[in-house]
Amino acid sequence: MFYHFIQSLIFLPMKLIYPSKVYDKKNLPKGRAVLTPNHTSNIDSLLLVTDMWEKKYFLAKEELFKPKIKGQVLKTMGAIKIARNNADLGAIKKSLEVLKKGKKLIIFPEGTRSKSDEMELRGVKNGAAMIAIKSKSPVVPVWFCSRPHAFKKTRIVIGKPFELSQFYSQRLNEQVLDSASKIISEKIENLKQECEQRFSKRKKK
């Protein structure tokens, strides 16, 4: 598959320049799922897709698709172009199609990357909740324990999946989506706290 060929080409340079380790991959369910990581840098998606063999799709802002050759590589790696300044119905439709086919989709629920070195979750927007509910897909929280820096190891932890099934039969108005997004935010925050405790204990040993 051409995707795995490109993935293999990118893997070694990424590992050398941006070493990373993904923990608890066993938490990833088989089939479709919406992965919801905190967003720390423009290479977050590439770290996730190069570190795990199974192809994953991810939403990426349209500015990243220029120049054209870079855009083609991103598309091959599973990127779905999204315009962030308005409701991009095309991107939503493609996301639902990916999940319908049983694939995994990465959505950064904050909507934009955090520019602070403090690892704090910013406000979670409703896009991830809406797509997870519409596709009836499990949600998997993901936490980047630090912002990726060249030649410095980045730890990425996969949390346990959960479903927003209590909202499947409801009309998706703003109030419902706010409630669903709050659950996603709480799950990510819980994972963040687990990670801090887990790796602080390792440092003390």
N, C-alpha and C. Protein backbone atom coordinates (compact mmCIF):
# COMPACT_ATOMS: atom_id res chain seq x y z
N MET A 1 0.84 -1.19 0.00
CA MET A 1 0.00 0.00 0.00
C MET A 1 0.89 1.25 0.00
N PHE A 2 0.53 2.22 -0.83
CA PHE A 2 1.33 3.44 -0.97
C PHE A 2 1.42 4.19 0.37
N TYR A 3 0.34 4.15 1.14
CA TYR A 3 0.34 4.83 2.44
C TYR A 3 1.46 4.30 3.33
N HIS A 4 1.58 2.97 3.42
CA HIS A 4 2.60 2.39 4.29
C HIS A 4 4.01 2.65 3.75
N PHE A 5 4.14 2.79 2.43
CA PHE A 5 5.43 3.14 1.85
C PHE A 5 5.85 4.54 2.31
N ILE A 6 4.92 5.51 2.19
CA ILE A 6 5.21 6.87 2.64
C ILE A 6 5.43 6.90 4.15
N GLN A 7 4.62 6.14 4.88
CA GLN A 7 4.76 6.07 6.33
C GLN A 7 6.16 5.58 6.71
N SER A 8 6.65 4.57 6.01
CA SER A 8 7.98 4.02 6.29
C SER A 8 9.08 5.03 5.99
N LEU A 9 8.89 5.81 4.92
CA LEU A 9 9.89 6.83 4.57
C LEU A 9 9.97 7.92 5.63
N ILE A 10 8.81 8.28 6.16
CA ILE A 10 8.75 9.36 7.15
C ILE A 10 9.18 8.88 8.54
N PHE A 11 8.98 7.59 8.81
CA PHE A 11 9.16 7.05 10.16
C PHE A 11 10.56 7.32 10.71
N LEU A 12 11.59 6.97 9.97
CA LEU A 12 12.96 7.09 10.49
C LEU A 12 13.36 8.54 10.76
N PRO A 13 13.16 9.46 9.79
CA PRO A 13 13.49 10.87 10.09
C PRO A 13 12.72 11.42 11.29
N MET A 14 11.42 11.06 11.39
CA MET A 14 10.63 11.53 12.52
C MET A 14 11.18 10.99 13.83
N LYS A 15 11.55 9.71 13.83
CA LYS A 15 12.07 9.09 15.05
C LYS A 15 13.41 9.71 15.46
N LEU A 16 14.23 10.05 14.47
CA LEU A 16 15.54 10.63 14.77
C LEU A 16 15.42 12.07 15.28
N ILE A 17 14.55 12.84 14.62
CA ILE A 17 14.43 14.26 14.98
C ILE A 17 13.46 14.48 16.12
N TYR A 18 12.33 13.78 16.06
CA TYR A 18 11.29 13.92 17.09
C TYR A 18 11.00 12.55 17.72
N PRO A 19 11.92 12.04 18.54
CA PRO A 19 11.69 10.73 19.16
C PRO A 19 10.42 10.74 20.02
N SER A 20 9.65 9.67 19.91
CA SER A 20 8.40 9.61 20.68
C SER A 20 8.08 8.17 21.03
N LYS A 21 7.22 8.02 22.02
CA LYS A 21 6.72 6.70 22.38
C LYS A 21 5.24 6.80 22.70
N VAL A 22 4.46 5.90 22.09
CA VAL A 22 3.02 5.86 22.35
C VAL A 22 2.74 4.75 23.36
N TYR A 23 2.13 5.09 24.47
CA TYR A 23 1.83 4.13 25.52
C TYR A 23 0.37 3.67 25.44
N ASP A 24 0.14 2.44 25.86
CA ASP A 24 -1.21 1.87 26.00
C ASP A 24 -1.96 1.78 24.67
N LYS A 25 -1.26 1.34 23.63
CA LYS A 25 -1.91 1.15 22.33
C LYS A 25 -3.03 0.11 22.41
N LYS A 26 -2.94 -0.74 23.42
CA LYS A 26 -3.97 -1.79 23.59
C LYS A 26 -5.35 -1.19 23.83
N ASN A 27 -5.41 0.06 24.24
CA ASN A 27 -6.70 0.71 24.48
C ASN A 27 -7.44 1.06 23.19
N LEU A 28 -6.74 1.04 22.07
CA LEU A 28 -7.40 1.36 20.80
C LEU A 28 -8.36 0.24 20.42
N PRO A 29 -9.63 0.54 20.23
CA PRO A 29 -10.59 -0.50 19.84
C PRO A 29 -10.39 -0.90 18.39
N LYS A 30 -10.88 -2.07 18.04
CA LYS A 30 -10.86 -2.47 16.64
C LYS A 30 -11.96 -1.70 15.91
N GLY A 31 -11.70 -1.39 14.66
CA GLY A 31 -12.70 -0.68 13.87
C GLY A 31 -12.69 0.81 14.15
N ARG A 32 -13.82 1.45 13.88
CA ARG A 32 -13.89 2.90 13.92
C ARG A 32 -13.74 3.46 15.33
N ALA A 33 -13.20 4.66 15.39
CA ALA A 33 -13.05 5.37 16.66
C ALA A 33 -12.64 6.81 16.36
N VAL A 34 -13.02 7.70 17.28
CA VAL A 34 -12.60 9.10 17.19
C VAL A 34 -11.55 9.33 18.27
N LEU A 35 -10.32 9.62 17.87
CA LEU A 35 -9.25 9.90 18.81
C LEU A 35 -9.22 11.41 19.10
N THR A 36 -9.14 11.78 20.37
CA THR A 36 -9.23 13.19 20.75
C THR A 36 -7.99 13.61 21.56
N PRO A 37 -6.90 13.95 20.89
CA PRO A 37 -5.69 14.39 21.60
C PRO A 37 -5.72 15.88 21.91
N ASN A 38 -4.95 16.27 22.93
CA ASN A 38 -4.64 17.68 23.10
C ASN A 38 -3.73 18.10 21.94
N HIS A 39 -3.72 19.37 21.62
CA HIS A 39 -3.01 19.84 20.43
C HIS A 39 -1.86 20.76 20.83
N THR A 40 -0.64 20.29 20.59
CA THR A 40 0.54 21.03 21.05
C THR A 40 1.39 21.59 19.92
N SER A 41 1.33 20.99 18.72
CA SER A 41 2.18 21.44 17.62
C SER A 41 1.61 20.97 16.30
N ASN A 42 2.20 21.48 15.21
CA ASN A 42 1.75 21.10 13.87
C ASN A 42 2.16 19.68 13.47
N ILE A 43 3.03 19.05 14.27
CA ILE A 43 3.45 17.68 13.92
C ILE A 43 2.77 16.63 14.79
N ASP A 44 1.83 17.02 15.63
CA ASP A 44 1.13 16.06 16.49
C ASP A 44 0.55 14.90 15.68
N SER A 45 -0.14 15.22 14.60
CA SER A 45 -0.80 14.18 13.79
C SER A 45 0.23 13.23 13.20
N LEU A 46 1.34 13.79 12.69
CA LEU A 46 2.36 12.94 12.08
C LEU A 46 2.99 12.01 13.10
N LEU A 47 3.17 12.47 14.33
CA LEU A 47 3.70 11.59 15.37
C LEU A 47 2.77 10.41 15.61
N LEU A 48 1.47 10.68 15.61
CA LEU A 48 0.50 9.61 15.84
C LEU A 48 0.43 8.64 14.66
N VAL A 49 0.41 9.15 13.45
CA VAL A 49 0.22 8.26 12.30
C VAL A 49 1.50 7.51 11.94
N THR A 50 2.67 8.05 12.27
CA THR A 50 3.90 7.32 11.96
C THR A 50 4.25 6.31 13.05
N ASP A 51 3.74 6.52 14.26
CA ASP A 51 4.09 5.65 15.38
C ASP A 51 3.17 4.43 15.48
N MET A 52 2.07 4.41 14.73
CA MET A 52 1.14 3.29 14.77
C MET A 52 0.84 2.85 13.34
N TRP A 53 1.00 1.57 13.05
CA TRP A 53 0.97 1.06 11.68
C TRP A 53 -0.38 1.23 11.00
N GLU A 54 -1.46 1.00 11.72
CA GLU A 54 -2.80 1.11 11.14
C GLU A 54 -3.05 2.53 10.65
N LYS A 55 -3.57 2.68 9.44
CA LYS A 55 -3.81 4.01 8.89
C LYS A 55 -4.88 4.74 9.69
N LYS A 56 -4.57 5.99 10.00
CA LYS A 56 -5.52 6.84 10.70
C LYS A 56 -5.71 8.12 9.90
N TYR A 57 -6.90 8.65 9.94
CA TYR A 57 -7.21 9.90 9.24
C TYR A 57 -7.24 11.02 10.27
N PHE A 58 -6.99 12.23 9.82
CA PHE A 58 -6.98 13.35 10.75
C PHE A 58 -7.38 14.64 10.05
N LEU A 59 -8.05 15.49 10.80
CA LEU A 59 -8.44 16.80 10.28
C LEU A 59 -7.25 17.75 10.38
N ALA A 60 -6.99 18.49 9.30
CA ALA A 60 -5.87 19.43 9.28
C ALA A 60 -6.31 20.73 8.62
N LYS A 61 -5.88 21.84 9.18
CA LYS A 61 -6.28 23.14 8.64
C LYS A 61 -5.78 23.29 7.21
N GLU A 62 -6.56 23.97 6.38
CA GLU A 62 -6.27 24.07 4.95
C GLU A 62 -4.94 24.74 4.66
N GLU A 63 -4.46 25.60 5.56
CA GLU A 63 -3.19 26.29 5.34
C GLU A 63 -2.01 25.33 5.24
N LEU A 64 -2.14 24.15 5.85
CA LEU A 64 -1.03 23.19 5.86
C LEU A 64 -0.87 22.47 4.52
N PHE A 65 -1.83 22.63 3.62
CA PHE A 65 -1.80 21.89 2.35
C PHE A 65 -1.04 22.64 1.25
N LYS A 66 -0.37 23.72 1.60
CA LYS A 66 0.44 24.45 0.64
C LYS A 66 1.90 24.37 1.06
N PRO A 67 2.81 24.19 0.08
CA PRO A 67 2.59 24.03 -1.37
C PRO A 67 1.91 22.72 -1.73
N LYS A 68 1.59 22.57 -3.00
CA LYS A 68 0.76 21.46 -3.46
C LYS A 68 1.38 20.10 -3.15
N ILE A 69 2.68 19.96 -3.32
CA ILE A 69 3.33 18.67 -3.09
C ILE A 69 3.20 18.26 -1.62
N LYS A 70 3.29 19.25 -0.73
CA LYS A 70 3.11 18.97 0.70
C LYS A 70 1.67 18.52 0.96
N GLY A 71 0.73 19.17 0.29
CA GLY A 71 -0.67 18.80 0.44
C GLY A 71 -0.94 17.37 -0.01
N GLN A 72 -0.29 16.95 -1.10
CA GLN A 72 -0.46 15.59 -1.60
C GLN A 72 0.07 14.56 -0.60
N VAL A 73 1.22 14.87 0.01
CA VAL A 73 1.77 13.96 1.02
C VAL A 73 0.83 13.86 2.21
N LEU A 74 0.30 14.99 2.65
CA LEU A 74 -0.64 15.00 3.78
C LEU A 74 -1.89 14.18 3.47
N LYS A 75 -2.41 14.33 2.26
CA LYS A 75 -3.59 13.55 1.86
C LYS A 75 -3.29 12.06 1.87
N THR A 76 -2.11 11.70 1.37
CA THR A 76 -1.71 10.30 1.38
C THR A 76 -1.63 9.76 2.80
N MET A 77 -1.19 10.61 3.74
CA MET A 77 -1.06 10.20 5.13
C MET A 77 -2.39 10.21 5.88
N GLY A 78 -3.47 10.61 5.20
CA GLY A 78 -4.79 10.54 5.81
C GLY A 78 -5.38 11.88 6.22
N ALA A 79 -4.76 12.99 5.80
CA ALA A 79 -5.26 14.30 6.20
C ALA A 79 -6.54 14.66 5.45
N ILE A 80 -7.47 15.23 6.18
CA ILE A 80 -8.72 15.76 5.62
C ILE A 80 -8.69 17.27 5.80
N LYS A 81 -8.71 18.00 4.69
CA LYS A 81 -8.62 19.46 4.75
C LYS A 81 -9.88 20.05 5.36
N ILE A 82 -9.68 21.00 6.29
CA ILE A 82 -10.83 21.65 6.90
C ILE A 82 -10.60 23.16 6.99
N ALA A 83 -11.62 23.91 6.63
CA ALA A 83 -11.60 25.37 6.80
C ALA A 83 -12.10 25.67 8.20
N ARG A 84 -11.30 26.32 9.01
CA ARG A 84 -11.64 26.49 10.42
C ARG A 84 -12.54 27.68 10.70
N ASN A 85 -12.64 28.60 9.75
CA ASN A 85 -13.39 29.83 10.02
C ASN A 85 -14.89 29.69 9.80
N ASN A 86 -15.33 28.54 9.28
CA ASN A 86 -16.76 28.33 9.10
C ASN A 86 -17.07 26.85 9.21
N ALA A 87 -18.34 26.52 9.22
CA ALA A 87 -18.74 25.11 9.30
C ALA A 87 -18.43 24.44 7.96
N ASP A 88 -17.37 23.64 7.93
CA ASP A 88 -16.94 22.99 6.70
C ASP A 88 -17.71 21.68 6.54
N LEU A 89 -18.81 21.74 5.83
CA LEU A 89 -19.67 20.56 5.67
C LEU A 89 -18.97 19.46 4.89
N GLY A 90 -18.10 19.85 3.94
CA GLY A 90 -17.36 18.85 3.18
C GLY A 90 -16.45 18.03 4.06
N ALA A 91 -15.74 18.69 4.96
CA ALA A 91 -14.84 17.99 5.88
C ALA A 91 -15.62 17.09 6.83
N ILE A 92 -16.77 17.57 7.29
CA ILE A 92 -17.61 16.77 8.18
C ILE A 92 -18.09 15.51 7.45
N LYS A 93 -18.53 15.68 6.20
CA LYS A 93 -19.01 14.55 5.41
C LYS A 93 -17.90 13.51 5.20
N LYS A 94 -16.69 13.97 4.87
CA LYS A 94 -15.56 13.05 4.68
C LYS A 94 -15.21 12.33 5.97
N SER A 95 -15.30 13.05 7.09
CA SER A 95 -15.01 12.44 8.38
C SER A 95 -15.99 11.32 8.70
N LEU A 96 -17.26 11.56 8.45
CA LEU A 96 -18.29 10.55 8.69
C LEU A 96 -18.11 9.35 7.76
N GLU A 97 -17.69 9.61 6.52
CA GLU A 97 -17.45 8.52 5.57
C GLU A 97 -16.30 7.64 6.04
N VAL A 98 -15.23 8.26 6.54
CA VAL A 98 -14.08 7.51 7.06
C VAL A 98 -14.51 6.59 8.20
N LEU A 99 -15.30 7.12 9.12
CA LEU A 99 -15.76 6.32 10.26
C LEU A 99 -16.73 5.23 9.83
N LYS A 100 -17.55 5.53 8.85
CA LYS A 100 -18.50 4.54 8.33
C LYS A 100 -17.77 3.33 7.75
N LYS A 101 -16.57 3.57 7.23
CA LYS A 101 -15.76 2.49 6.66
C LYS A 101 -14.98 1.72 7.73
N GLY A 102 -15.18 2.10 8.99
CA GLY A 102 -14.51 1.39 10.08
C GLY A 102 -13.11 1.86 10.37
N LYS A 103 -12.77 3.08 9.92
CA LYS A 103 -11.44 3.62 10.14
C LYS A 103 -11.41 4.50 11.40
N LYS A 104 -10.20 4.92 11.75
CA LYS A 104 -10.02 5.78 12.92
C LYS A 104 -9.74 7.22 12.47
N LEU A 105 -10.32 8.16 13.20
CA LEU A 105 -10.21 9.57 12.86
C LEU A 105 -9.67 10.34 14.06
N ILE A 106 -8.64 11.15 13.81
CA ILE A 106 -8.05 12.00 14.85
C ILE A 106 -8.65 13.39 14.73
N ILE A 107 -9.26 13.86 15.81
CA ILE A 107 -9.81 15.22 15.86
C ILE A 107 -9.24 15.91 17.09
N PHE A 108 -8.61 17.05 16.90
CA PHE A 108 -8.13 17.83 18.03
C PHE A 108 -9.30 18.66 18.55
N PRO A 109 -9.87 18.27 19.67
CA PRO A 109 -11.13 18.91 20.11
C PRO A 109 -11.00 20.37 20.53
N GLU A 110 -9.76 20.82 20.77
CA GLU A 110 -9.58 22.24 21.11
C GLU A 110 -9.75 23.13 19.89
N GLY A 111 -9.65 22.53 18.70
CA GLY A 111 -9.84 23.29 17.48
C GLY A 111 -8.59 23.98 16.97
N THR A 112 -7.63 24.23 17.83
CA THR A 112 -6.37 24.87 17.43
C THR A 112 -5.31 24.44 18.42
N ARG A 113 -4.05 24.62 18.04
CA ARG A 113 -2.98 24.19 18.94
C ARG A 113 -2.72 25.21 20.03
N SER A 114 -2.31 24.71 21.18
CA SER A 114 -1.95 25.58 22.29
C SER A 114 -0.53 26.09 22.09
N LYS A 115 -0.34 27.37 22.27
CA LYS A 115 0.99 27.97 22.07
C LYS A 115 1.75 28.14 23.38
N SER A 116 1.16 27.66 24.44
CA SER A 116 1.81 27.74 25.75
C SER A 116 2.53 26.44 26.06
N ASP A 117 3.69 26.53 26.72
CA ASP A 117 4.42 25.33 27.11
C ASP A 117 3.77 24.63 28.31
N GLU A 118 2.85 25.32 28.94
CA GLU A 118 2.10 24.68 30.03
C GLU A 118 1.09 23.72 29.41
N MET A 119 1.14 22.46 29.85
CA MET A 119 0.30 21.44 29.25
C MET A 119 -1.10 21.50 29.87
N GLU A 120 -1.89 22.41 29.36
CA GLU A 120 -3.26 22.60 29.82
C GLU A 120 -4.22 22.42 28.65
N LEU A 121 -5.35 21.78 28.92
CA LEU A 121 -6.37 21.62 27.89
C LEU A 121 -7.18 22.89 27.78
N ARG A 122 -7.24 23.44 26.58
CA ARG A 122 -8.04 24.64 26.35
C ARG A 122 -9.49 24.22 26.13
N GLY A 123 -10.36 25.18 25.90
CA GLY A 123 -11.77 24.86 25.74
C GLY A 123 -12.03 23.85 24.62
N VAL A 124 -12.80 22.82 24.92
CA VAL A 124 -13.14 21.78 23.94
C VAL A 124 -14.34 22.24 23.11
N LYS A 125 -14.17 22.26 21.82
CA LYS A 125 -15.27 22.65 20.93
C LYS A 125 -16.17 21.45 20.64
N ASN A 126 -17.27 21.68 19.95
CA ASN A 126 -18.30 20.65 19.80
C ASN A 126 -18.12 19.72 18.60
N GLY A 127 -17.12 19.99 17.76
CA GLY A 127 -16.96 19.20 16.54
C GLY A 127 -16.73 17.72 16.78
N ALA A 128 -15.83 17.38 17.70
CA ALA A 128 -15.51 15.98 17.97
C ALA A 128 -16.73 15.23 18.50
N ALA A 129 -17.46 15.86 19.42
CA ALA A 129 -18.66 15.24 19.99
C ALA A 129 -19.71 15.01 18.91
N MET A 130 -19.91 16.00 18.06
CA MET A 130 -20.92 15.89 17.01
C MET A 130 -20.61 14.73 16.05
N ILE A 131 -19.36 14.61 15.62
CA ILE A 131 -18.98 13.56 14.69
C ILE A 131 -19.05 12.19 15.36
N ALA A 132 -18.61 12.10 16.63
CA ALA A 132 -18.66 10.82 17.35
C ALA A 132 -20.10 10.35 17.54
N ILE A 133 -20.99 11.28 17.85
CA ILE A 133 -22.40 10.91 18.07
C ILE A 133 -23.07 10.53 16.75
N LYS A 134 -22.86 11.34 15.71
CA LYS A 134 -23.49 11.06 14.41
C LYS A 134 -23.04 9.70 13.86
N SER A 135 -21.78 9.36 14.07
CA SER A 135 -21.25 8.09 13.54
C SER A 135 -21.37 6.95 14.53
N LYS A 136 -21.84 7.26 15.75
CA LYS A 136 -21.94 6.27 16.84
C LYS A 136 -20.60 5.55 17.04
N SER A 137 -19.55 6.36 17.11
CA SER A 137 -18.19 5.83 17.26
C SER A 137 -17.69 6.01 18.69
N PRO A 138 -16.91 5.05 19.19
CA PRO A 138 -16.27 5.25 20.49
C PRO A 138 -15.27 6.39 20.42
N VAL A 139 -15.11 7.08 21.54
CA VAL A 139 -14.14 8.18 21.64
C VAL A 139 -12.95 7.69 22.46
N VAL A 140 -11.75 8.01 21.98
CA VAL A 140 -10.53 7.59 22.67
C VAL A 140 -9.73 8.84 23.05
N PRO A 141 -9.65 9.17 24.34
CA PRO A 141 -8.83 10.32 24.75
C PRO A 141 -7.35 10.01 24.55
N VAL A 142 -6.60 11.03 24.16
CA VAL A 142 -5.15 10.89 23.95
C VAL A 142 -4.48 12.10 24.59
N TRP A 143 -3.32 11.87 25.22
CA TRP A 143 -2.64 13.00 25.86
C TRP A 143 -1.16 13.05 25.46
N PHE A 144 -0.76 14.19 24.90
CA PHE A 144 0.65 14.47 24.67
C PHE A 144 1.20 15.04 25.98
N CYS A 145 2.14 14.32 26.58
CA CYS A 145 2.64 14.73 27.90
C CYS A 145 3.54 15.96 27.83
N SER A 146 4.04 16.27 26.63
CA SER A 146 4.86 17.46 26.45
C SER A 146 4.77 17.90 25.00
N ARG A 147 5.12 19.14 24.74
CA ARG A 147 5.17 19.63 23.37
C ARG A 147 6.38 19.01 22.67
N PRO A 148 6.20 18.48 21.45
CA PRO A 148 7.34 17.89 20.73
C PRO A 148 8.44 18.92 20.46
N HIS A 149 9.67 18.53 20.81
CA HIS A 149 10.84 19.36 20.52
C HIS A 149 11.89 18.46 19.85
N ALA A 150 12.67 19.04 18.97
CA ALA A 150 13.69 18.26 18.27
C ALA A 150 14.65 17.60 19.26
N PHE A 151 14.87 16.30 19.04
CA PHE A 151 15.83 15.49 19.79
C PHE A 151 15.46 15.34 21.27
N LYS A 152 14.19 15.55 21.56
CA LYS A 152 13.71 15.35 22.93
C LYS A 152 12.49 14.43 22.88
N LYS A 153 12.50 13.40 23.72
CA LYS A 153 11.45 12.38 23.66
C LYS A 153 10.09 12.94 24.07
N THR A 154 9.09 12.58 23.27
CA THR A 154 7.71 12.95 23.56
C THR A 154 6.92 11.70 23.96
N ARG A 155 6.25 11.75 25.10
CA ARG A 155 5.41 10.64 25.53
C ARG A 155 3.96 10.94 25.14
N ILE A 156 3.32 9.94 24.54
CA ILE A 156 1.92 10.06 24.14
C ILE A 156 1.17 8.88 24.73
N VAL A 157 0.08 9.17 25.43
CA VAL A 157 -0.66 8.10 26.12
C VAL A 157 -2.06 7.97 25.54
N ILE A 158 -2.45 6.73 25.25
CA ILE A 158 -3.79 6.42 24.74
C ILE A 158 -4.68 6.03 25.92
N GLY A 159 -5.78 6.73 26.09
CA GLY A 159 -6.70 6.42 27.17
C GLY A 159 -7.71 5.35 26.79
N LYS A 160 -8.54 4.99 27.75
CA LYS A 160 -9.56 3.96 27.50
C LYS A 160 -10.73 4.55 26.71
N PRO A 161 -11.26 3.79 25.76
CA PRO A 161 -12.38 4.30 24.95
C PRO A 161 -13.67 4.38 25.75
N PHE A 162 -14.53 5.28 25.33
CA PHE A 162 -15.86 5.41 25.92
C PHE A 162 -16.83 5.84 24.82
N GLU A 163 -18.11 5.68 25.08
CA GLU A 163 -19.11 6.06 24.08
C GLU A 163 -20.04 7.14 24.63
N LEU A 164 -20.54 7.92 23.72
CA LEU A 164 -21.51 8.97 24.06
C LEU A 164 -22.92 8.48 23.70
N SER A 165 -23.18 7.22 24.01
CA SER A 165 -24.42 6.56 23.57
C SER A 165 -25.67 7.20 24.17
N GLN A 166 -25.54 7.89 25.31
CA GLN A 166 -26.70 8.54 25.91
C GLN A 166 -27.25 9.68 25.04
N PHE A 167 -26.45 10.08 24.04
CA PHE A 167 -26.87 11.18 23.17
C PHE A 167 -27.31 10.71 21.77
N TYR A 168 -27.18 9.40 21.49
CA TYR A 168 -27.43 8.90 20.14
C TYR A 168 -28.85 9.19 19.65
N SER A 169 -29.81 9.13 20.53
CA SER A 169 -31.21 9.30 20.12
C SER A 169 -31.70 10.74 20.27
N GLN A 170 -30.81 11.62 20.70
CA GLN A 170 -31.24 13.00 20.94
C GLN A 170 -30.97 13.90 19.74
N ARG A 171 -31.74 14.96 19.65
CA ARG A 171 -31.52 15.96 18.62
C ARG A 171 -30.27 16.76 18.99
N LEU A 172 -29.36 16.90 18.05
CA LEU A 172 -28.06 17.49 18.38
C LEU A 172 -28.10 19.01 18.33
N ASN A 173 -28.71 19.58 19.33
CA ASN A 173 -28.68 21.04 19.45
C ASN A 173 -27.45 21.45 20.26
N GLU A 174 -27.28 22.73 20.43
CA GLU A 174 -26.08 23.25 21.10
C GLU A 174 -25.97 22.75 22.54
N GLN A 175 -27.09 22.66 23.23
CA GLN A 175 -27.08 22.22 24.62
C GLN A 175 -26.61 20.78 24.75
N VAL A 176 -27.12 19.93 23.87
CA VAL A 176 -26.72 18.51 23.88
C VAL A 176 -25.23 18.37 23.56
N LEU A 177 -24.77 19.08 22.53
CA LEU A 177 -23.37 19.00 22.14
C LEU A 177 -22.45 19.56 23.22
N ASP A 178 -22.90 20.60 23.91
CA ASP A 178 -22.11 21.14 25.03
C ASP A 178 -21.94 20.09 26.13
N SER A 179 -23.01 19.37 26.41
CA SER A 179 -22.96 18.32 27.45
C SER A 179 -22.02 17.19 27.04
N ALA A 180 -22.11 16.80 25.77
CA ALA A 180 -21.24 15.72 25.26
C ALA A 180 -19.78 16.16 25.26
N SER A 181 -19.54 17.40 24.86
CA SER A 181 -18.17 17.93 24.83
C SER A 181 -17.57 18.03 26.23
N LYS A 182 -18.43 18.32 27.20
CA LYS A 182 -17.96 18.37 28.59
C LYS A 182 -17.45 17.01 29.05
N ILE A 183 -18.11 15.95 28.62
CA ILE A 183 -17.67 14.59 28.98
C ILE A 183 -16.31 14.31 28.33
N ILE A 184 -16.16 14.67 27.06
CA ILE A 184 -14.88 14.48 26.37
C ILE A 184 -13.77 15.23 27.11
N SER A 185 -14.06 16.48 27.49
CA SER A 185 -13.08 17.29 28.21
C SER A 185 -12.68 16.64 29.53
N GLU A 186 -13.66 16.14 30.26
CA GLU A 186 -13.39 15.50 31.55
C GLU A 186 -12.53 14.25 31.39
N LYS A 187 -12.81 13.46 30.35
CA LYS A 187 -12.04 12.23 30.11
C LYS A 187 -10.58 12.57 29.77
N ILE A 188 -10.39 13.61 28.96
CA ILE A 188 -9.02 14.01 28.61
C ILE A 188 -8.29 14.55 29.84
N GLU A 189 -8.99 15.35 30.64
CA GLU A 189 -8.39 15.89 31.87
C GLU A 189 -8.01 14.76 32.83
N ASN A 190 -8.87 13.75 32.93
CA ASN A 190 -8.56 12.60 33.80
C ASN A 190 -7.32 11.87 33.31
N LEU A 191 -7.21 11.73 31.97
CA LEU A 191 -6.04 11.06 31.41
C LEU A 191 -4.78 11.89 31.67
N LYS A 192 -4.90 13.19 31.56
CA LYS A 192 -3.77 14.07 31.84
C LYS A 192 -3.26 13.86 33.26
N GLN A 193 -4.19 13.81 34.23
CA GLN A 193 -3.80 13.62 35.63
C GLN A 193 -3.15 12.25 35.83
N GLU A 194 -3.69 11.23 35.17
CA GLU A 194 -3.10 9.89 35.26
C GLU A 194 -1.67 9.89 34.73
N CYS A 195 -1.46 10.60 33.63
CA CYS A 195 -0.13 10.67 33.02
C CYS A 195 0.86 11.38 33.94
N GLU A 196 0.42 12.48 34.53
CA GLU A 196 1.30 13.23 35.42
C GLU A 196 1.73 12.37 36.61
N GLN A 197 0.79 11.63 37.18
CA GLN A 197 1.12 10.76 38.31
C GLN A 197 2.03 9.62 37.87
N ARG A 198 1.73 9.06 36.73
CA ARG A 198 2.48 7.91 36.21
C ARG A 198 3.94 8.25 35.94
N PHE A 199 4.18 9.36 35.27
CA PHE A 199 5.55 9.67 34.88
C PHE A 199 6.31 10.42 35.96
N SER A 200 5.61 11.07 36.88
CA SER A 200 6.31 11.70 38.01
C SER A 200 6.89 10.63 38.94
N LYS A 201 6.18 9.50 39.04
CA LYS A 201 6.67 8.38 39.86
C LYS A 201 7.94 7.81 39.24
N ARG A 202 8.00 7.74 37.92
CA ARG A 202 9.18 7.20 37.25
C ARG A 202 10.40 8.10 37.49
N LYS A 203 10.17 9.42 37.49
CA LYS A 203 11.28 10.37 37.69
C LYS A 203 11.86 10.24 39.09
N LYS A 204 10.99 9.91 40.08
CA LYS A 204 11.44 9.83 41.46
C LYS A 204 12.28 8.57 41.71
N LYS A 205 12.09 7.53 40.87
CA LYS A 205 12.82 6.28 41.09
C LYS A 205 14.28 6.42 40.70
